[in-house]
Amino acid sequence: MEDEEGYAVLNRQPKQRQPGQPSGAGAQGSHWYPRWIWVTVGLAGAGILILLGAVIVLAVWGQTRGTMNISEKNETRIVSSTECSSCLEDFQSRLKQILCEPHNGSLAEGSACKLCPRDWQLHGDKCYWLSKEREAWTGSHEDCSRKSSRMLVLQTQEEMDFIQDVIRDASYVWIGLKVTPPQGTWTWVDGSPLDPARFSVWGPAEGNSCGRLKDTQIQSDVCGSELKWICQKKAAMI
């Protein structure tokens, strides 16, 4: 079509809406979402942020609580240890009053108390026991070991003098002294050699010789002889 001046005029008709297409829809390929979907997405995002914040708060609280629990447990342990120590000191004090012999009418504060098993005699920091039966030297040695002790090992003359009260009327008693081969030297049961400047032995030093005590004299005898014996051990300290 041409206008009055001869120019061609294009007849533009509006584009027809396709059947079923909602009004307001954009060009082909674009998408349109209802408002309620955007509201739902926003609420979901807010919920996720709130949940994440709650997880962080719970984690921090749990760590703090755990630290507090450890501190409380440590404090409880310290208190329990202190109470236990106090109870033990009180028990020891009462035990001293019952079992220990007082010196000058009373036990000094902090003084040690030495105890021996029943039928054992206390001297210094050691306990001594005299058998009623008779055995060979080896049997005597084994019996002392069963009593968590050892046969008598004399160390001083003062100890020798005390032993006279222990053996009383016994004629001979085994002590922890024996000849060890091949040198044939007298050796105590603790492994120390006999000091001849301190004690001497009457009799031969043969391979089957053991030491016995008669009054204040150490004598040699055949180890198979059956005699009484003396055991010794350290006193218990409380």
Protein backbone atom coordinates (compact mmCIF):
# COMPACT_ATOMS: atom_id res chain seq x y z
CA MET A 1 0.00 0.00 0.00
CA GLU A 2 1.27 3.50 -0.79
CA ASP A 3 0.34 6.81 0.79
CA GLU A 4 -0.40 9.98 -1.07
CA GLU A 5 3.28 10.73 -1.59
CA GLY A 6 3.98 7.30 -2.99
CA TYR A 7 5.80 5.88 -0.02
CA ALA A 8 5.08 2.31 0.88
CA VAL A 9 3.43 1.85 4.28
CA LEU A 10 3.81 -1.47 6.13
CA ASN A 11 0.68 -2.72 7.70
CA ARG A 12 1.78 -3.99 11.12
CA GLN A 13 -0.81 -6.10 12.87
CA PRO A 14 -0.52 -6.84 16.55
CA LYS A 15 0.75 -10.35 17.32
CA GLN A 16 -2.05 -12.66 18.22
CA ARG A 17 -1.86 -14.41 21.66
CA GLN A 18 -1.73 -18.14 21.36
CA PRO A 19 -4.61 -20.01 22.83
CA GLY A 20 -3.91 -21.17 26.44
CA GLN A 21 -1.02 -18.69 27.00
CA PRO A 22 -1.53 -16.65 30.19
CA SER A 23 -1.86 -12.95 29.90
CA GLY A 24 1.31 -11.01 30.74
CA ALA A 25 3.60 -13.81 29.59
CA GLY A 26 6.83 -12.64 28.04
CA ALA A 27 8.50 -13.66 24.89
CA GLN A 28 8.83 -17.24 23.96
CA GLY A 29 11.41 -19.05 26.21
CA SER A 30 11.02 -16.80 29.29
CA HIS A 31 9.51 -18.20 32.57
CA TRP A 32 7.06 -16.78 35.03
CA TYR A 33 6.61 -18.03 38.64
CA PRO A 34 3.72 -17.32 40.99
CA ARG A 35 4.38 -15.08 44.00
CA TRP A 36 3.77 -17.84 46.54
CA ILE A 37 6.81 -19.76 45.25
CA TRP A 38 9.12 -16.81 45.95
CA VAL A 39 7.64 -16.44 49.43
CA THR A 40 8.24 -20.15 50.11
CA VAL A 41 11.86 -19.95 48.90
CA GLY A 42 12.49 -16.94 51.15
CA LEU A 43 11.02 -18.66 54.18
CA ALA A 44 13.07 -21.81 53.48
CA GLY A 45 16.28 -19.76 53.24
CA ALA A 46 15.51 -18.00 56.52
CA GLY A 47 14.83 -21.39 58.16
CA ILE A 48 18.18 -22.75 56.97
CA LEU A 49 20.02 -19.74 58.40
CA ILE A 50 18.21 -20.10 61.73
CA LEU A 51 19.01 -23.85 61.85
CA LEU A 52 22.68 -23.21 61.04
CA GLY A 53 22.89 -20.61 63.80
CA ALA A 54 21.32 -23.06 66.26
CA VAL A 55 23.87 -25.76 65.36
CA ILE A 56 26.75 -23.34 65.93
CA VAL A 57 25.33 -22.23 69.30
CA LEU A 58 24.85 -25.86 70.41
CA ALA A 59 28.41 -26.76 69.38
CA VAL A 60 29.88 -23.85 71.34
CA TRP A 61 27.70 -24.64 74.36
CA GLY A 62 28.65 -28.32 74.27
CA GLN A 63 32.37 -27.50 74.19
CA THR A 64 31.99 -25.05 77.07
CA ARG A 65 29.95 -27.58 79.05
CA GLY A 66 32.52 -30.29 78.44
CA THR A 67 35.30 -28.03 79.70
CA MET A 68 33.24 -27.23 82.79
CA ASN A 69 32.58 -30.94 83.42
CA ILE A 70 36.30 -31.74 83.19
CA SER A 71 37.07 -28.92 85.62
CA GLU A 72 34.36 -30.12 88.00
CA LYS A 73 35.67 -33.70 87.83
CA ASN A 74 39.21 -32.53 88.55
CA GLU A 75 37.99 -30.54 91.53
CA THR A 76 36.06 -33.60 92.77
CA ARG A 77 39.18 -35.72 92.42
CA ILE A 78 41.24 -33.22 94.40
CA VAL A 79 38.63 -33.09 97.16
CA SER A 80 38.35 -36.89 97.26
CA SER A 81 42.14 -37.27 97.42
CA THR A 82 42.35 -34.73 100.25
CA GLU A 83 39.56 -36.45 102.16
CA CYS A 84 41.18 -39.87 101.63
CA SER A 85 44.55 -38.57 102.87
CA SER A 86 42.89 -37.09 105.94
CA CYS A 87 41.08 -40.39 106.63
CA LEU A 88 44.34 -42.33 106.30
CA GLU A 89 46.14 -40.02 108.72
CA ASP A 90 43.29 -40.40 111.22
CA PHE A 91 43.38 -44.20 110.81
CA GLN A 92 47.14 -44.30 111.38
CA SER A 93 46.81 -42.14 114.47
CA ARG A 94 44.16 -44.43 115.95
CA LEU A 95 46.20 -47.51 115.04
CA LYS A 96 49.21 -46.10 116.87
CA GLN A 97 47.13 -45.49 119.98
CA ILE A 98 45.88 -49.09 119.94
CA LEU A 99 48.96 -51.05 118.88
CA CYS A 100 52.04 -49.00 119.68
CA GLU A 101 53.65 -48.84 123.05
CA PRO A 102 53.75 -45.25 124.33
CA HIS A 103 57.04 -43.64 125.31
CA ASN A 104 56.89 -41.67 128.56
CA GLY A 105 53.13 -42.05 128.63
CA SER A 106 52.38 -40.73 125.13
CA LEU A 107 53.38 -41.07 121.50
CA ALA A 108 55.22 -38.07 120.11
CA GLU A 109 53.49 -36.31 117.24
CA GLY A 110 54.84 -37.61 113.94
CA SER A 111 56.89 -40.36 115.62
CA ALA A 112 57.15 -43.70 113.84
CA CYS A 113 55.59 -46.82 115.24
CA LYS A 114 57.21 -50.21 114.55
CA LEU A 115 55.15 -53.39 114.56
CA CYS A 116 56.01 -57.10 114.35
CA PRO A 117 53.81 -60.11 113.59
CA ARG A 118 52.45 -62.15 116.48
CA ASP A 119 55.11 -64.19 118.32
CA TRP A 120 57.91 -62.08 116.82
CA GLN A 121 60.14 -59.87 118.96
CA LEU A 122 60.98 -56.29 118.03
CA HIS A 123 64.50 -54.94 118.28
CA GLY A 124 65.54 -51.74 116.53
CA ASP A 125 63.83 -51.82 113.15
CA LYS A 126 63.78 -55.64 112.88
CA CYS A 127 61.57 -58.48 114.04
CA TYR A 128 62.95 -61.84 115.23
CA TRP A 129 61.28 -65.24 115.53
CA LEU A 130 62.50 -68.54 117.05
CA SER A 131 61.05 -71.80 115.77
CA LYS A 132 59.60 -74.46 118.02
CA GLU A 133 60.30 -77.31 115.62
CA ARG A 134 63.64 -78.66 114.44
CA GLU A 135 64.75 -78.88 110.82
CA ALA A 136 67.88 -79.29 108.71
CA TRP A 137 69.48 -76.02 107.58
CA THR A 138 67.84 -76.11 104.13
CA GLY A 139 64.36 -76.70 105.60
CA SER A 140 64.94 -73.86 108.05
CA HIS A 141 65.95 -71.53 105.21
CA GLU A 142 62.82 -72.41 103.23
CA ASP A 143 60.55 -71.82 106.24
CA CYS A 144 61.91 -68.30 106.73
CA SER A 145 61.29 -67.58 103.04
CA ARG A 146 57.67 -68.71 103.40
CA LYS A 147 57.31 -66.20 106.23
CA SER A 148 58.57 -63.40 103.96
CA SER A 149 61.74 -63.22 106.01
CA ARG A 150 65.25 -64.66 106.03
CA MET A 151 67.44 -66.58 108.43
CA LEU A 152 69.32 -64.48 110.98
CA VAL A 153 72.16 -62.35 109.60
CA LEU A 154 74.22 -60.94 112.48
CA GLN A 155 75.66 -57.48 111.88
CA THR A 156 76.70 -56.11 115.29
CA GLN A 157 77.72 -57.38 118.70
CA GLU A 158 74.77 -55.51 120.17
CA GLU A 159 72.46 -57.58 117.97
CA MET A 160 74.24 -60.73 119.11
CA ASP A 161 73.58 -59.76 122.73
CA PHE A 162 69.87 -59.24 122.03
CA ILE A 163 69.59 -62.63 120.33
CA GLN A 164 70.42 -64.28 123.64
CA ASP A 165 66.98 -63.21 124.88
CA VAL A 166 65.38 -64.72 121.79
CA ILE A 167 67.02 -68.15 121.89
CA ARG A 168 66.63 -68.40 125.69
CA ASP A 169 67.23 -72.01 126.70
CA ALA A 170 67.68 -73.42 123.18
CA SER A 171 70.89 -75.39 123.00
CA TYR A 172 71.74 -74.73 119.34
CA VAL A 173 69.94 -72.75 116.61
CA TRP A 174 70.60 -72.39 112.92
CA ILE A 175 71.51 -68.95 111.61
CA GLY A 176 71.81 -67.70 108.02
CA LEU A 177 75.46 -68.69 107.55
CA LYS A 178 76.82 -71.36 105.22
CA VAL A 179 80.04 -72.41 103.51
CA THR A 180 79.96 -71.71 99.76
CA PRO A 181 82.14 -73.70 97.34
CA PRO A 182 84.57 -73.80 95.70
CA GLN A 183 86.55 -71.38 97.88
CA GLY A 184 84.96 -72.74 101.07
CA THR A 185 84.19 -69.29 102.49
CA TRP A 186 81.51 -68.51 105.06
CA THR A 187 78.72 -66.50 103.48
CA TRP A 188 75.51 -65.03 104.91
CA VAL A 189 72.18 -65.72 103.19
CA ASP A 190 72.03 -62.09 101.97
CA GLY A 191 75.19 -62.78 99.92
CA SER A 192 77.64 -60.87 102.13
CA PRO A 193 80.80 -62.65 103.36
CA LEU A 194 81.44 -63.22 107.04
CA ASP A 195 83.67 -60.54 108.55
CA PRO A 196 86.22 -62.48 110.66
CA ALA A 197 87.14 -59.28 112.50
CA ARG A 198 83.56 -59.08 113.81
CA PHE A 199 82.60 -62.76 114.23
CA SER A 200 84.55 -65.98 114.05
CA VAL A 201 83.35 -69.55 113.48
CA TRP A 202 84.50 -72.51 115.52
CA GLY A 203 84.90 -75.68 113.49
CA PRO A 204 85.75 -76.75 109.95
CA ALA A 205 84.67 -74.84 106.82
CA GLU A 206 83.72 -77.77 104.60
CA GLY A 207 81.31 -78.01 101.67
CA ASN A 208 78.47 -79.28 103.86
CA SER A 209 79.02 -76.94 106.80
CA CYS A 210 76.43 -74.48 108.10
CA GLY A 211 76.53 -72.02 110.98
CA ARG A 212 74.76 -72.58 114.28
CA LEU A 213 74.61 -70.37 117.36
CA LYS A 214 75.33 -71.45 120.94
CA ASP A 215 75.15 -68.59 123.43
CA THR A 216 77.36 -65.92 121.83
CA GLN A 217 79.50 -68.38 119.86
CA ILE A 218 79.07 -69.29 116.19
CA GLN A 219 79.94 -72.92 115.48
CA SER A 220 80.21 -75.12 112.39
CA ASP A 221 77.85 -78.06 112.03
CA VAL A 222 76.73 -80.49 109.32
CA CYS A 223 73.87 -78.84 107.40
CA GLY A 224 71.74 -81.99 107.72
CA SER A 225 71.55 -81.73 111.50
CA GLU A 226 68.08 -80.90 112.80
CA LEU A 227 68.04 -77.80 114.99
CA LYS A 228 65.76 -74.88 115.80
CA TRP A 229 66.28 -71.74 113.71
CA ILE A 230 65.84 -67.96 113.82
CA CYS A 231 64.13 -65.83 111.18
CA GLN A 232 64.28 -62.03 110.89
CA LYS A 233 62.45 -59.37 108.87
CA LYS A 234 62.03 -55.59 108.83
CA ALA A 235 59.40 -54.21 111.18
CA ALA A 236 56.28 -52.62 109.71
CA MET A 237 56.30 -48.82 110.07
CA ILE A 238 53.13 -46.80 110.72
